[in-house]
Amino acid sequence: MDGIPPELALEVTSAVTDARESGYGLYKALRQIAKDKLSRMEIPSALHGLYLAFVNELINKVLRRRVAEPPEIVDKWEKYGLNRDYLIELGARIVEAYPAVTPESAKKVT
């Protein structure tokens, strides 16, 4: 039978699954840390989604891709009406937790 050898197909499938899980696991772990922090910060639950969107952007642009600095992301979300002090406090917690939850496969190669 012509085509892709089954061993290669299994290897590729496993690699793709591992890559997706490592990225998803990172976001999931940091989001849970953010949710825990938000619940202790006296932020109305109606605004939690906006703060979590800030966390997603912080993870993506600052921690993973390194194309922005935290103050840029804080400034952007402050313009949307979020509290600057809360953004800084939440961002600091995420940056602090990032190394502990990041698998080697999810770190950006420089």
C-alpha atoms as a PDB file:
ATOM      1  CA  MET A   1       0.000   0.000   0.000  1.00  0.00           C
ATOM      2  CA  ASP A   2       1.393   3.399  -0.996  1.00  0.00           C
ATOM      3  CA  GLY A   3       1.159   6.445   1.184  1.00  0.00           C
ATOM      4  CA  ILE A   4       2.376   7.556   4.543  1.00  0.00           C
ATOM      5  CA  PRO A   5       3.881   4.860   6.737  1.00  0.00           C
ATOM      6  CA  PRO A   6       1.704   4.282   9.829  1.00  0.00           C
ATOM      7  CA  GLU A   7       4.658   4.880  12.156  1.00  0.00           C
ATOM      8  CA  LEU A   8       5.250   8.326  10.647  1.00  0.00           C
ATOM      9  CA  ALA A   9       1.561   9.202  10.824  1.00  0.00           C
ATOM     10  CA  LEU A  10       1.484   8.250  14.511  1.00  0.00           C
ATOM     11  CA  GLU A  11       4.656  10.234  15.206  1.00  0.00           C
ATOM     12  CA  VAL A  12       3.295  13.363  13.506  1.00  0.00           C
ATOM     13  CA  THR A  13      -0.086  13.026  15.228  1.00  0.00           C
ATOM     14  CA  SER A  14       1.609  12.664  18.586  1.00  0.00           C
ATOM     15  CA  ALA A  15       3.851  15.700  17.967  1.00  0.00           C
ATOM     16  CA  VAL A  16       0.902  17.877  16.941  1.00  0.00           C
ATOM     17  CA  THR A  17      -1.118  16.754  19.949  1.00  0.00           C
ATOM     18  CA  ASP A  18       1.792  17.461  22.309  1.00  0.00           C
ATOM     19  CA  ALA A  19       2.322  20.922  20.806  1.00  0.00           C
ATOM     20  CA  ARG A  20      -1.350  21.820  21.130  1.00  0.00           C
ATOM     21  CA  GLU A  21      -1.550  20.538  24.678  1.00  0.00           C
ATOM     22  CA  SER A  22       1.592  22.385  25.751  1.00  0.00           C
ATOM     23  CA  GLY A  23       0.242  25.675  24.425  1.00  0.00           C
ATOM     24  CA  TYR A  24      -3.269  25.070  25.703  1.00  0.00           C
ATOM     25  CA  GLY A  25      -1.987  23.910  29.061  1.00  0.00           C
ATOM     26  CA  LEU A  26       0.037  27.086  29.446  1.00  0.00           C
ATOM     27  CA  TYR A  27      -2.934  29.356  28.752  1.00  0.00           C
ATOM     28  CA  LYS A  28      -5.210  27.216  30.913  1.00  0.00           C
ATOM     29  CA  ALA A  29      -2.818  27.308  33.884  1.00  0.00           C
ATOM     30  CA  LEU A  30      -2.209  31.060  33.636  1.00  0.00           C
ATOM     31  CA  ARG A  31      -5.915  31.781  33.148  1.00  0.00           C
ATOM     32  CA  GLN A  32      -6.703  29.848  36.308  1.00  0.00           C
ATOM     33  CA  ILE A  33      -4.090  31.863  38.203  1.00  0.00           C
ATOM     34  CA  ALA A  34      -5.667  35.039  36.793  1.00  0.00           C
ATOM     35  CA  LYS A  35      -9.175  33.912  37.788  1.00  0.00           C
ATOM     36  CA  ASP A  36      -8.012  33.169  41.326  1.00  0.00           C
ATOM     37  CA  LYS A  37      -6.334  36.568  41.534  1.00  0.00           C
ATOM     38  CA  LEU A  38      -9.401  38.365  40.129  1.00  0.00           C
ATOM     39  CA  SER A  39     -11.670  36.761  42.700  1.00  0.00           C
ATOM     40  CA  ARG A  40      -9.502  38.212  45.469  1.00  0.00           C
ATOM     41  CA  MET A  41      -9.169  41.709  43.934  1.00  0.00           C
ATOM     42  CA  GLU A  42     -12.731  42.970  44.445  1.00  0.00           C
ATOM     43  CA  ILE A  43     -13.218  43.378  40.709  1.00  0.00           C
ATOM     44  CA  PRO A  44     -16.866  43.025  39.645  1.00  0.00           C
ATOM     45  CA  SER A  45     -17.395  39.635  38.026  1.00  0.00           C
ATOM     46  CA  ALA A  46     -18.964  41.373  35.016  1.00  0.00           C
ATOM     47  CA  LEU A  47     -15.487  42.742  34.193  1.00  0.00           C
ATOM     48  CA  HIS A  48     -13.568  39.492  34.627  1.00  0.00           C
ATOM     49  CA  GLY A  49     -13.830  38.710  30.910  1.00  0.00           C
ATOM     50  CA  LEU A  50     -12.096  41.956  29.995  1.00  0.00           C
ATOM     51  CA  TYR A  51      -9.313  41.338  32.491  1.00  0.00           C
ATOM     52  CA  LEU A  52      -8.901  37.794  31.157  1.00  0.00           C
ATOM     53  CA  ALA A  53      -8.643  39.202  27.623  1.00  0.00           C
ATOM     54  CA  PHE A  54      -5.849  41.448  28.928  1.00  0.00           C
ATOM     55  CA  VAL A  55      -4.144  38.362  30.388  1.00  0.00           C
ATOM     56  CA  ASN A  56      -4.430  36.523  27.055  1.00  0.00           C
ATOM     57  CA  GLU A  57      -2.818  39.440  25.225  1.00  0.00           C
ATOM     58  CA  LEU A  58      -0.099  39.723  27.864  1.00  0.00           C
ATOM     59  CA  ILE A  59       0.714  36.023  27.528  1.00  0.00           C
ATOM     60  CA  ASN A  60       0.694  36.126  23.737  1.00  0.00           C
ATOM     61  CA  LYS A  61       2.500  39.385  22.990  1.00  0.00           C
ATOM     62  CA  VAL A  62       4.767  39.842  26.005  1.00  0.00           C
ATOM     63  CA  LEU A  63       5.599  36.382  27.296  1.00  0.00           C
ATOM     64  CA  ARG A  64       5.331  34.117  24.251  1.00  0.00           C
ATOM     65  CA  ARG A  65       6.111  36.231  21.176  1.00  0.00           C
ATOM     66  CA  ARG A  66       8.026  39.026  22.936  1.00  0.00           C
ATOM     67  CA  VAL A  67       6.733  41.677  20.539  1.00  0.00           C
ATOM     68  CA  ALA A  68       5.496  44.083  23.219  1.00  0.00           C
ATOM     69  CA  GLU A  69       6.310  45.269  26.712  1.00  0.00           C
ATOM     70  CA  PRO A  70       3.885  45.058  29.649  1.00  0.00           C
ATOM     71  CA  PRO A  71       3.335  48.859  29.860  1.00  0.00           C
ATOM     72  CA  GLU A  72       2.079  48.892  26.241  1.00  0.00           C
ATOM     73  CA  ILE A  73      -0.522  46.234  27.000  1.00  0.00           C
ATOM     74  CA  VAL A  74      -1.528  47.923  30.282  1.00  0.00           C
ATOM     75  CA  ASP A  75      -1.934  51.288  28.504  1.00  0.00           C
ATOM     76  CA  LYS A  76      -4.131  49.723  25.821  1.00  0.00           C
ATOM     77  CA  TRP A  77      -6.485  48.066  28.308  1.00  0.00           C
ATOM     78  CA  GLU A  78      -6.593  51.112  30.564  1.00  0.00           C
ATOM     79  CA  LYS A  79      -7.994  53.016  27.572  1.00  0.00           C
ATOM     80  CA  TYR A  80     -10.843  50.488  27.557  1.00  0.00           C
ATOM     81  CA  GLY A  81     -11.707  51.617  31.066  1.00  0.00           C
ATOM     82  CA  LEU A  82      -9.961  48.987  33.174  1.00  0.00           C
ATOM     83  CA  ASN A  83      -8.226  50.007  36.394  1.00  0.00           C
ATOM     84  CA  ARG A  84      -4.500  50.579  35.811  1.00  0.00           C
ATOM     85  CA  ASP A  85      -3.495  49.424  39.294  1.00  0.00           C
ATOM     86  CA  TYR A  86      -5.455  46.186  38.882  1.00  0.00           C
ATOM     87  CA  LEU A  87      -3.931  45.614  35.436  1.00  0.00           C
ATOM     88  CA  ILE A  88      -0.419  46.070  36.816  1.00  0.00           C
ATOM     89  CA  GLU A  89      -1.079  43.818  39.805  1.00  0.00           C
ATOM     90  CA  LEU A  90      -2.668  41.102  37.665  1.00  0.00           C
ATOM     91  CA  GLY A  91       0.032  41.371  35.004  1.00  0.00           C
ATOM     92  CA  ALA A  92       2.792  41.098  37.605  1.00  0.00           C
ATOM     93  CA  ARG A  93       1.218  37.903  38.968  1.00  0.00           C
ATOM     94  CA  ILE A  94       1.031  36.357  35.502  1.00  0.00           C
ATOM     95  CA  VAL A  95       4.614  37.318  34.631  1.00  0.00           C
ATOM     96  CA  GLU A  96       5.753  35.878  37.966  1.00  0.00           C
ATOM     97  CA  ALA A  97       3.903  32.588  37.397  1.00  0.00           C
ATOM     98  CA  TYR A  98       4.912  32.164  33.736  1.00  0.00           C
ATOM     99  CA  PRO A  99       8.258  30.364  34.237  1.00  0.00           C
ATOM    100  CA  ALA A 100       6.755  27.821  36.623  1.00  0.00           C
ATOM    101  CA  VAL A 101       3.932  26.757  34.283  1.00  0.00           C
ATOM    102  CA  THR A 102       5.730  26.958  30.946  1.00  0.00           C
ATOM    103  CA  PRO A 103       6.840  23.626  29.477  1.00  0.00           C
ATOM    104  CA  GLU A 104      10.124  23.778  27.579  1.00  0.00           C
ATOM    105  CA  SER A 105       8.302  23.015  24.312  1.00  0.00           C
ATOM    106  CA  ALA A 106       6.172  26.176  24.695  1.00  0.00           C
ATOM    107  CA  LYS A 107       9.053  28.609  25.236  1.00  0.00           C
ATOM    108  CA  LYS A 108      10.035  30.848  22.348  1.00  0.00           C
ATOM    109  CA  VAL A 109      13.317  29.956  20.737  1.00  0.00           C
ATOM    110  CA  THR A 110      15.588  32.977  20.454  1.00  0.00           C
END
